[in-house]
PDB file of all heavy atoms in Angstrom:
ATOM      1  N   HIS A   1       0.819  -1.190   0.003  1.00  0.00           N
ATOM      2  CA  HIS A   1      -0.009   0.012   0.014  1.00  0.00           C
ATOM      3  C   HIS A   1       0.846   1.258   0.019  1.00  0.00           C
ATOM      4  O   HIS A   1       0.653   2.210  -0.745  1.00  0.00           O
ATOM      5  CB  HIS A   1      -0.931  -0.034   1.259  1.00  0.00           C
ATOM      6  CG  HIS A   1      -1.747   1.191   1.360  1.00  0.00           C
ATOM      7  ND1 HIS A   1      -2.690   1.538   0.401  1.00  0.00           N
ATOM      8  CD2 HIS A   1      -1.812   2.140   2.329  1.00  0.00           C
ATOM      9  CE1 HIS A   1      -3.315   2.657   0.789  1.00  0.00           C
ATOM     10  NE2 HIS A   1      -2.824   3.006   1.953  1.00  0.00           N
ATOM     11  N   GLN A   2       1.929   1.223   0.807  1.00  0.00           N
ATOM     12  CA  GLN A   2       2.833   2.412   0.889  1.00  0.00           C
ATOM     13  C   GLN A   2       3.510   2.627  -0.455  1.00  0.00           C
ATOM     14  O   GLN A   2       3.630   3.775  -0.893  1.00  0.00           O
ATOM     15  CB  GLN A   2       3.854   2.195   1.971  1.00  0.00           C
ATOM     16  CG  GLN A   2       3.289   2.441   3.353  1.00  0.00           C
ATOM     17  CD  GLN A   2       4.264   2.132   4.471  1.00  0.00           C
ATOM     18  OE1 GLN A   2       5.365   1.578   4.189  1.00  0.00           O
ATOM     19  NE2 GLN A   2       3.891   2.350   5.703  1.00  0.00           N
ATOM     20  N   LYS A   3       4.003   1.584  -1.086  1.00  0.00           N
ATOM     21  CA  LYS A   3       4.710   1.699  -2.357  1.00  0.00           C
ATOM     22  C   LYS A   3       3.791   2.257  -3.420  1.00  0.00           C
ATOM     23  O   LYS A   3       4.185   3.140  -4.180  1.00  0.00           O
ATOM     24  CB  LYS A   3       5.213   0.317  -2.797  1.00  0.00           C
ATOM     25  CG  LYS A   3       6.531  -0.091  -2.123  1.00  0.00           C
ATOM     26  CD  LYS A   3       6.978  -1.416  -2.609  1.00  0.00           C
ATOM     27  CE  LYS A   3       8.244  -1.864  -1.852  1.00  0.00           C
ATOM     28  NZ  LYS A   3       8.493  -3.300  -2.027  1.00  0.00           N
ATOM     29  N   GLN A   4       2.538   1.806  -3.406  1.00  0.00           N
ATOM     30  CA  GLN A   4       1.588   2.360  -4.386  1.00  0.00           C
ATOM     31  C   GLN A   4       1.322   3.850  -4.163  1.00  0.00           C
ATOM     32  O   GLN A   4       1.287   4.616  -5.093  1.00  0.00           O
ATOM     33  CB  GLN A   4       0.243   1.602  -4.275  1.00  0.00           C
ATOM     34  CG  GLN A   4       0.312   0.222  -4.916  1.00  0.00           C
ATOM     35  CD  GLN A   4      -0.906  -0.655  -4.532  1.00  0.00           C
ATOM     36  OE1 GLN A   4      -1.697  -0.295  -3.669  1.00  0.00           O
ATOM     37  NE2 GLN A   4      -1.004  -1.764  -5.174  1.00  0.00           N
ATOM     38  N   ARG A   5       1.216   4.253  -2.889  1.00  0.00           N
ATOM     39  CA  ARG A   5       0.942   5.628  -2.528  1.00  0.00           C
ATOM     40  C   ARG A   5       2.172   6.495  -3.027  1.00  0.00           C
ATOM     41  O   ARG A   5       1.986   7.546  -3.581  1.00  0.00           O
ATOM     42  CB  ARG A   5       0.798   5.841  -1.018  1.00  0.00           C
ATOM     43  CG  ARG A   5      -0.632   5.582  -0.593  1.00  0.00           C
ATOM     44  CD  ARG A   5      -0.779   5.923   0.850  1.00  0.00           C
ATOM     45  NE  ARG A   5      -0.472   7.304   1.067  1.00  0.00           N
ATOM     46  CZ  ARG A   5      -0.999   8.003   2.062  1.00  0.00           C
ATOM     47  NH1 ARG A   5      -1.844   7.428   2.866  1.00  0.00           N
ATOM     48  NH2 ARG A   5      -0.713   9.284   2.212  1.00  0.00           N
ATOM     49  N   LYS A   6       3.367   5.988  -2.747  1.00  0.00           N
ATOM     50  CA  LYS A   6       4.587   6.726  -3.059  1.00  0.00           C
ATOM     51  C   LYS A   6       4.715   6.880  -4.577  1.00  0.00           C
ATOM     52  O   LYS A   6       5.015   7.961  -5.077  1.00  0.00           O
ATOM     53  CB  LYS A   6       5.789   5.976  -2.479  1.00  0.00           C
ATOM     54  CG  LYS A   6       7.094   6.790  -2.558  1.00  0.00           C
ATOM     55  CD  LYS A   6       8.234   5.955  -1.873  1.00  0.00           C
ATOM     56  CE  LYS A   6       9.545   6.626  -2.093  1.00  0.00           C
ATOM     57  NZ  LYS A   6      10.634   5.801  -1.606  1.00  0.00           N
ATOM     58  N   ALA A   7       4.445   5.797  -5.287  1.00  0.00           N
ATOM     59  CA  ALA A   7       4.595   5.864  -6.776  1.00  0.00           C
ATOM     60  C   ALA A   7       3.555   6.843  -7.329  1.00  0.00           C
ATOM     61  O   ALA A   7       3.913   7.642  -8.204  1.00  0.00           O
ATOM     62  CB  ALA A   7       4.362   4.420  -7.287  1.00  0.00           C
ATOM     63  N   THR A   8       2.351   6.769  -6.883  1.00  0.00           N
ATOM     64  CA  THR A   8       1.302   7.720  -7.389  1.00  0.00           C
ATOM     65  C   THR A   8       1.711   9.146  -7.102  1.00  0.00           C
ATOM     66  O   THR A   8       1.554  10.022  -7.938  1.00  0.00           O
ATOM     67  CB  THR A   8      -0.049   7.403  -6.710  1.00  0.00           C
ATOM     68  OG1 THR A   8      -0.305   6.012  -6.830  1.00  0.00           O
ATOM     69  CG2 THR A   8      -1.178   8.173  -7.298  1.00  0.00           C
ATOM     70  N   PHE A   9       2.218   9.377  -5.885  1.00  0.00           N
ATOM     71  CA  PHE A   9       2.600  10.715  -5.456  1.00  0.00           C
ATOM     72  C   PHE A   9       3.728  11.286  -6.373  1.00  0.00           C
ATOM     73  O   PHE A   9       3.648  12.372  -6.851  1.00  0.00           O
ATOM     74  CB  PHE A   9       3.126  10.678  -4.005  1.00  0.00           C
ATOM     75  CG  PHE A   9       3.541  12.005  -3.492  1.00  0.00           C
ATOM     76  CD1 PHE A   9       2.637  12.995  -3.171  1.00  0.00           C
ATOM     77  CD2 PHE A   9       4.925  12.305  -3.347  1.00  0.00           C
ATOM     78  CE1 PHE A   9       3.045  14.190  -2.655  1.00  0.00           C
ATOM     79  CE2 PHE A   9       5.314  13.530  -2.851  1.00  0.00           C
ATOM     80  CZ  PHE A   9       4.352  14.490  -2.541  1.00  0.00           C
ATOM     81  N   ILE A  10       4.719  10.489  -6.664  1.00  0.00           N
ATOM     82  CA  ILE A  10       5.851  10.951  -7.517  1.00  0.00           C
ATOM     83  C   ILE A  10       5.377  11.169  -8.957  1.00  0.00           C
ATOM     84  O   ILE A  10       5.714  12.181  -9.540  1.00  0.00           O
ATOM     85  CB  ILE A  10       7.007   9.921  -7.422  1.00  0.00           C
ATOM     86  CG1 ILE A  10       7.658   9.973  -6.034  1.00  0.00           C
ATOM     87  CG2 ILE A  10       8.078  10.233  -8.497  1.00  0.00           C
ATOM     88  CD1 ILE A  10       8.595   8.880  -5.706  1.00  0.00           C
ATOM     89  N   LYS A  11       4.566  10.270  -9.515  1.00  0.00           N
ATOM     90  CA  LYS A  11       4.050  10.446 -10.865  1.00  0.00           C
ATOM     91  C   LYS A  11       3.273  11.730 -11.046  1.00  0.00           C
ATOM     92  O   LYS A  11       3.335  12.321 -12.116  1.00  0.00           O
ATOM     93  CB  LYS A  11       3.202   9.204 -11.260  1.00  0.00           C
ATOM     94  CG  LYS A  11       4.016   7.958 -11.615  1.00  0.00           C
ATOM     95  CD  LYS A  11       3.028   6.859 -11.943  1.00  0.00           C
ATOM     96  CE  LYS A  11       3.733   5.543 -11.852  1.00  0.00           C
ATOM     97  NZ  LYS A  11       2.795   4.435 -11.825  1.00  0.00           N
ATOM     98  N   SER A  12       2.516  12.065 -10.027  1.00  0.00           N
ATOM     99  CA  SER A  12       1.621  13.233 -10.187  1.00  0.00           C
ATOM    100  C   SER A  12       2.409  14.573 -10.058  1.00  0.00           C
ATOM    101  O   SER A  12       1.833  15.630 -10.327  1.00  0.00           O
ATOM    102  CB  SER A  12       0.498  13.166  -9.155  1.00  0.00           C
ATOM    103  OG  SER A  12       1.043  13.310  -7.850  1.00  0.00           O
ATOM    104  N   LYS A  13       3.619  14.528  -9.631  1.00  0.00           N
ATOM    105  CA  LYS A  13       4.429  15.747  -9.420  1.00  0.00           C
ATOM    106  C   LYS A  13       5.005  16.189 -10.775  1.00  0.00           C
ATOM    107  O   LYS A  13       5.576  15.375 -11.520  1.00  0.00           O
ATOM    108  CB  LYS A  13       5.576  15.473  -8.458  1.00  0.00           C
ATOM    109  CG  LYS A  13       5.340  15.950  -7.036  1.00  0.00           C
ATOM    110  CD  LYS A  13       5.014  17.354  -6.946  1.00  0.00           C
ATOM    111  CE  LYS A  13       5.217  17.968  -5.586  1.00  0.00           C
ATOM    112  NZ  LYS A  13       4.448  19.232  -5.470  1.00  0.00           N
ATOM    113  N   ASN A  14       4.976  17.482 -11.063  1.00  0.00           N
ATOM    114  CA  ASN A  14       5.694  18.028 -12.195  1.00  0.00           C
ATOM    115  C   ASN A  14       7.008  18.540 -11.702  1.00  0.00           C
ATOM    116  O   ASN A  14       7.118  19.300 -10.784  1.00  0.00           O
ATOM    117  CB  ASN A  14       4.920  19.186 -12.826  1.00  0.00           C
ATOM    118  CG  ASN A  14       3.635  18.744 -13.483  1.00  0.00           C
ATOM    119  OD1 ASN A  14       3.643  17.616 -14.045  1.00  0.00           O
ATOM    120  ND2 ASN A  14       2.573  19.544 -13.425  1.00  0.00           N
ATOM    121  N   LEU A  15       8.080  18.033 -12.323  1.00  0.00           N
ATOM    122  CA  LEU A  15       9.447  18.482 -11.959  1.00  0.00           C
ATOM    123  C   LEU A  15       9.986  19.390 -13.012  1.00  0.00           C
ATOM    124  O   LEU A  15      10.461  18.910 -14.058  1.00  0.00           O
ATOM    125  CB  LEU A  15      10.341  17.242 -11.721  1.00  0.00           C
ATOM    126  CG  LEU A  15       9.827  16.230 -10.703  1.00  0.00           C
ATOM    127  CD1 LEU A  15      10.681  15.004 -10.724  1.00  0.00           C
ATOM    128  CD2 LEU A  15       9.842  16.824  -9.277  1.00  0.00           C
ATOM    129  N   PRO A  16       9.925  20.734 -12.800  1.00  0.00           N
ATOM    130  CA  PRO A  16      10.306  21.637 -13.887  1.00  0.00           C
ATOM    131  C   PRO A  16      11.751  21.597 -14.338  1.00  0.00           C
ATOM    132  O   PRO A  16      12.011  21.507 -15.503  1.00  0.00           O
ATOM    133  CB  PRO A  16       9.928  23.016 -13.295  1.00  0.00           C
ATOM    134  CG  PRO A  16       9.749  22.789 -11.850  1.00  0.00           C
ATOM    135  CD  PRO A  16       9.514  21.373 -11.606  1.00  0.00           C
ATOM    136  N   ASN A  17      12.728  21.669 -13.432  1.00  0.00           N
ATOM    137  CA  ASN A  17      14.097  21.635 -13.888  1.00  0.00           C
ATOM    138  C   ASN A  17      14.983  21.049 -12.789  1.00  0.00           C
ATOM    139  O   ASN A  17      14.581  20.839 -11.657  1.00  0.00           O
ATOM    140  CB  ASN A  17      14.612  23.056 -14.311  1.00  0.00           C
ATOM    141  CG  ASN A  17      14.542  24.023 -13.144  1.00  0.00           C
ATOM    142  OD1 ASN A  17      14.931  23.669 -12.016  1.00  0.00           O
ATOM    143  ND2 ASN A  17      14.006  25.209 -13.419  1.00  0.00           N
ATOM    144  N   SER A  18      16.293  20.805 -13.112  1.00  0.00           N
ATOM    145  CA  SER A  18      17.127  20.054 -12.189  1.00  0.00           C
ATOM    146  C   SER A  18      17.435  20.871 -10.935  1.00  0.00           C
ATOM    147  O   SER A  18      17.653  20.289  -9.883  1.00  0.00           O
ATOM    148  CB  SER A  18      18.440  19.699 -12.889  1.00  0.00           C
ATOM    149  OG  SER A  18      19.099  20.846 -13.354  1.00  0.00           O
ATOM    150  N   SER A  19      17.485  22.217 -11.001  1.00  0.00           N
ATOM    151  CA  SER A  19      17.789  22.952  -9.775  1.00  0.00           C
ATOM    152  C   SER A  19      16.667  22.896  -8.762  1.00  0.00           C
ATOM    153  O   SER A  19      16.892  22.783  -7.595  1.00  0.00           O
ATOM    154  CB  SER A  19      18.113  24.440 -10.103  1.00  0.00           C
ATOM    155  OG  SER A  19      16.931  25.062 -10.652  1.00  0.00           O
ATOM    156  N   THR A  20      15.405  22.867  -9.264  1.00  0.00           N
ATOM    157  CA  THR A  20      14.271  22.724  -8.335  1.00  0.00           C
ATOM    158  C   THR A  20      14.253  21.334  -7.799  1.00  0.00           C
ATOM    159  O   THR A  20      13.959  21.098  -6.632  1.00  0.00           O
ATOM    160  CB  THR A  20      12.931  22.982  -9.098  1.00  0.00           C
ATOM    161  OG1 THR A  20      13.084  24.164  -9.875  1.00  0.00           O
ATOM    162  CG2 THR A  20      11.772  23.129  -8.127  1.00  0.00           C
ATOM    163  N   LEU A  21      14.622  20.345  -8.619  1.00  0.00           N
ATOM    164  CA  LEU A  21      14.639  18.923  -8.227  1.00  0.00           C
ATOM    165  C   LEU A  21      15.547  18.716  -7.016  1.00  0.00           C
ATOM    166  O   LEU A  21      15.212  18.074  -6.082  1.00  0.00           O
ATOM    167  CB  LEU A  21      15.072  18.043  -9.418  1.00  0.00           C
ATOM    168  CG  LEU A  21      15.113  16.583  -9.158  1.00  0.00           C
ATOM    169  CD1 LEU A  21      13.703  16.015  -8.906  1.00  0.00           C
ATOM    170  CD2 LEU A  21      15.724  15.824 -10.341  1.00  0.00           C
ATOM    171  N   LYS A  22      16.724  19.365  -7.067  1.00  0.00           N
ATOM    172  CA  LYS A  22      17.683  19.214  -5.948  1.00  0.00           C
ATOM    173  C   LYS A  22      17.095  19.754  -4.638  1.00  0.00           C
ATOM    174  O   LYS A  22      17.330  19.204  -3.599  1.00  0.00           O
ATOM    175  CB  LYS A  22      18.978  19.936  -6.244  1.00  0.00           C
ATOM    176  CG  LYS A  22      19.860  19.170  -7.221  1.00  0.00           C
ATOM    177  CD  LYS A  22      21.096  19.958  -7.611  1.00  0.00           C
ATOM    178  CE  LYS A  22      21.819  19.222  -8.728  1.00  0.00           C
ATOM    179  NZ  LYS A  22      22.865  20.018  -9.289  1.00  0.00           N
ATOM    180  N   LYS A  23      16.305  20.822  -4.703  1.00  0.00           N
ATOM    181  CA  LYS A  23      15.715  21.400  -3.500  1.00  0.00           C
ATOM    182  C   LYS A  23      14.582  20.532  -2.998  1.00  0.00           C
ATOM    183  O   LYS A  23      14.367  20.401  -1.815  1.00  0.00           O
ATOM    184  CB  LYS A  23      15.182  22.834  -3.795  1.00  0.00           C
ATOM    185  CG  LYS A  23      16.306  23.811  -3.998  1.00  0.00           C
ATOM    186  CD  LYS A  23      15.750  25.137  -4.375  1.00  0.00           C
ATOM    187  CE  LYS A  23      16.851  26.091  -4.791  1.00  0.00           C
ATOM    188  NZ  LYS A  23      16.326  27.308  -5.438  1.00  0.00           N
ATOM    189  N   THR A  24      13.756  19.957  -3.914  1.00  0.00           N
ATOM    190  CA  THR A  24      12.552  19.247  -3.429  1.00  0.00           C
ATOM    191  C   THR A  24      12.803  17.790  -3.051  1.00  0.00           C
ATOM    192  O   THR A  24      12.145  17.278  -2.171  1.00  0.00           O
ATOM    193  CB  THR A  24      11.443  19.286  -4.514  1.00  0.00           C
ATOM    194  OG1 THR A  24      11.963  18.690  -5.713  1.00  0.00           O
ATOM    195  CG2 THR A  24      10.933  20.668  -4.759  1.00  0.00           C
ATOM    196  N   VAL A  25      13.791  17.103  -3.628  1.00  0.00           N
ATOM    197  CA  VAL A  25      13.949  15.707  -3.364  1.00  0.00           C
ATOM    198  C   VAL A  25      14.251  15.377  -1.907  1.00  0.00           C
ATOM    199  O   VAL A  25      13.566  14.526  -1.354  1.00  0.00           O
ATOM    200  CB  VAL A  25      15.042  15.077  -4.300  1.00  0.00           C
ATOM    201  CG1 VAL A  25      15.478  13.699  -3.800  1.00  0.00           C
ATOM    202  CG2 VAL A  25      14.481  14.969  -5.709  1.00  0.00           C
ATOM    203  N   PRO A  26      15.168  16.104  -1.222  1.00  0.00           N
ATOM    204  CA  PRO A  26      15.374  15.736   0.178  1.00  0.00           C
ATOM    205  C   PRO A  26      14.143  15.896   1.018  1.00  0.00           C
ATOM    206  O   PRO A  26      13.859  15.120   1.853  1.00  0.00           O
ATOM    207  CB  PRO A  26      16.464  16.752   0.671  1.00  0.00           C
ATOM    208  CG  PRO A  26      17.166  17.175  -0.595  1.00  0.00           C
ATOM    209  CD  PRO A  26      16.129  17.130  -1.662  1.00  0.00           C
ATOM    210  N   LYS A  27      13.335  16.958   0.735  1.00  0.00           N
ATOM    211  CA  LYS A  27      12.101  17.120   1.491  1.00  0.00           C
ATOM    212  C   LYS A  27      11.135  15.994   1.253  1.00  0.00           C
ATOM    213  O   LYS A  27      10.538  15.422   2.148  1.00  0.00           O
ATOM    214  CB  LYS A  27      11.457  18.474   1.127  1.00  0.00           C
ATOM    215  CG  LYS A  27      10.251  18.819   1.961  1.00  0.00           C
ATOM    216  CD  LYS A  27       9.620  20.097   1.501  1.00  0.00           C
ATOM    217  CE  LYS A  27       8.329  20.342   2.242  1.00  0.00           C
ATOM    218  NZ  LYS A  27       7.486  21.339   1.630  1.00  0.00           N
ATOM    219  N   LYS A  28      10.963  15.600   0.012  1.00  0.00           N
ATOM    220  CA  LYS A  28      10.036  14.506  -0.362  1.00  0.00           C
ATOM    221  C   LYS A  28      10.578  13.176   0.189  1.00  0.00           C
ATOM    222  O   LYS A  28       9.797  12.330   0.561  1.00  0.00           O
ATOM    223  CB  LYS A  28       9.843  14.461  -1.878  1.00  0.00           C
ATOM    224  CG  LYS A  28       9.207  15.650  -2.490  1.00  0.00           C
ATOM    225  CD  LYS A  28       7.844  15.950  -1.911  1.00  0.00           C
ATOM    226  CE  LYS A  28       7.322  17.267  -2.387  1.00  0.00           C
ATOM    227  NZ  LYS A  28       6.421  17.871  -1.469  1.00  0.00           N
ATOM    228  N   ALA A  29      11.848  13.024   0.259  1.00  0.00           N
ATOM    229  CA  ALA A  29      12.424  11.767   0.694  1.00  0.00           C
ATOM    230  C   ALA A  29      12.156  11.545   2.214  1.00  0.00           C
ATOM    231  O   ALA A  29      12.047  10.451   2.688  1.00  0.00           O
ATOM    232  CB  ALA A  29      13.905  11.691   0.485  1.00  0.00           C
ATOM    233  N   ARG A  30      11.996  12.674   2.935  1.00  0.00           N
ATOM    234  CA  ARG A  30      11.699  12.597   4.378  1.00  0.00           C
ATOM    235  C   ARG A  30      10.285  12.150   4.668  1.00  0.00           C
ATOM    236  O   ARG A  30      10.007  11.513   5.604  1.00  0.00           O
ATOM    237  CB  ARG A  30      11.969  13.906   5.087  1.00  0.00           C
ATOM    238  CG  ARG A  30      13.444  14.097   5.415  1.00  0.00           C
ATOM    239  CD  ARG A  30      13.608  15.205   6.429  1.00  0.00           C
ATOM    240  NE  ARG A  30      13.036  16.460   5.989  1.00  0.00           N
ATOM    241  CZ  ARG A  30      13.706  17.343   5.263  1.00  0.00           C
ATOM    242  NH1 ARG A  30      14.907  17.156   4.897  1.00  0.00           N
ATOM    243  NH2 ARG A  30      13.124  18.487   4.953  1.00  0.00           N
ATOM    244  N   GLU A  31       9.326  12.520   3.742  1.00  0.00           N
ATOM    245  CA  GLU A  31       7.914  12.324   4.026  1.00  0.00           C
ATOM    246  C   GLU A  31       7.548  10.871   4.267  1.00  0.00           C
ATOM    247  O   GLU A  31       6.881  10.584   5.222  1.00  0.00           O
ATOM    248  CB  GLU A  31       7.043  12.963   2.970  1.00  0.00           C
ATOM    249  CG  GLU A  31       6.991  14.507   3.156  1.00  0.00           C
ATOM    250  CD  GLU A  31       6.166  15.107   2.044  1.00  0.00           C
ATOM    251  OE1 GLU A  31       5.522  14.432   1.260  1.00  0.00           O
ATOM    252  OE2 GLU A  31       6.199  16.342   1.985  1.00  0.00           O
ATOM    253  N   PRO A  32       7.962   9.933   3.419  1.00  0.00           N
ATOM    254  CA  PRO A  32       7.586   8.543   3.671  1.00  0.00           C
ATOM    255  C   PRO A  32       8.057   8.044   5.001  1.00  0.00           C
ATOM    256  O   PRO A  32       7.366   7.335   5.675  1.00  0.00           O
ATOM    257  CB  PRO A  32       8.192   7.785   2.520  1.00  0.00           C
ATOM    258  CG  PRO A  32       8.406   8.727   1.459  1.00  0.00           C
ATOM    259  CD  PRO A  32       8.661  10.070   2.122  1.00  0.00           C
ATOM    260  N   ARG A  33       9.245   8.469   5.396  1.00  0.00           N
ATOM    261  CA  ARG A  33       9.846   8.022   6.717  1.00  0.00           C
ATOM    262  C   ARG A  33       8.954   8.544   7.852  1.00  0.00           C
ATOM    263  O   ARG A  33       8.634   7.813   8.801  1.00  0.00           O
ATOM    264  CB  ARG A  33      11.255   8.472   6.875  1.00  0.00           C
ATOM    265  CG  ARG A  33      12.291   7.543   6.312  1.00  0.00           C
ATOM    266  CD  ARG A  33      13.639   7.753   6.940  1.00  0.00           C
ATOM    267  NE  ARG A  33      14.166   9.018   6.663  1.00  0.00           N
ATOM    268  CZ  ARG A  33      14.912   9.343   5.571  1.00  0.00           C
ATOM    269  NH1 ARG A  33      15.133   8.412   4.654  1.00  0.00           N
ATOM    270  NH2 ARG A  33      15.375  10.506   5.408  1.00  0.00           N
TER     271      ARG A  33
END
C-alpha cells in the first residue's frame, strides 16, 4: 500500500528543472519516513 501511494505521489508531481529537483527531493524523501 505504501509503495503504491509513493509511486502515485511521484508520478503526479511536475518536476520543472534540475535545480528545483535538488531542492525538493530531500524534503520529499523525508515524508515517507
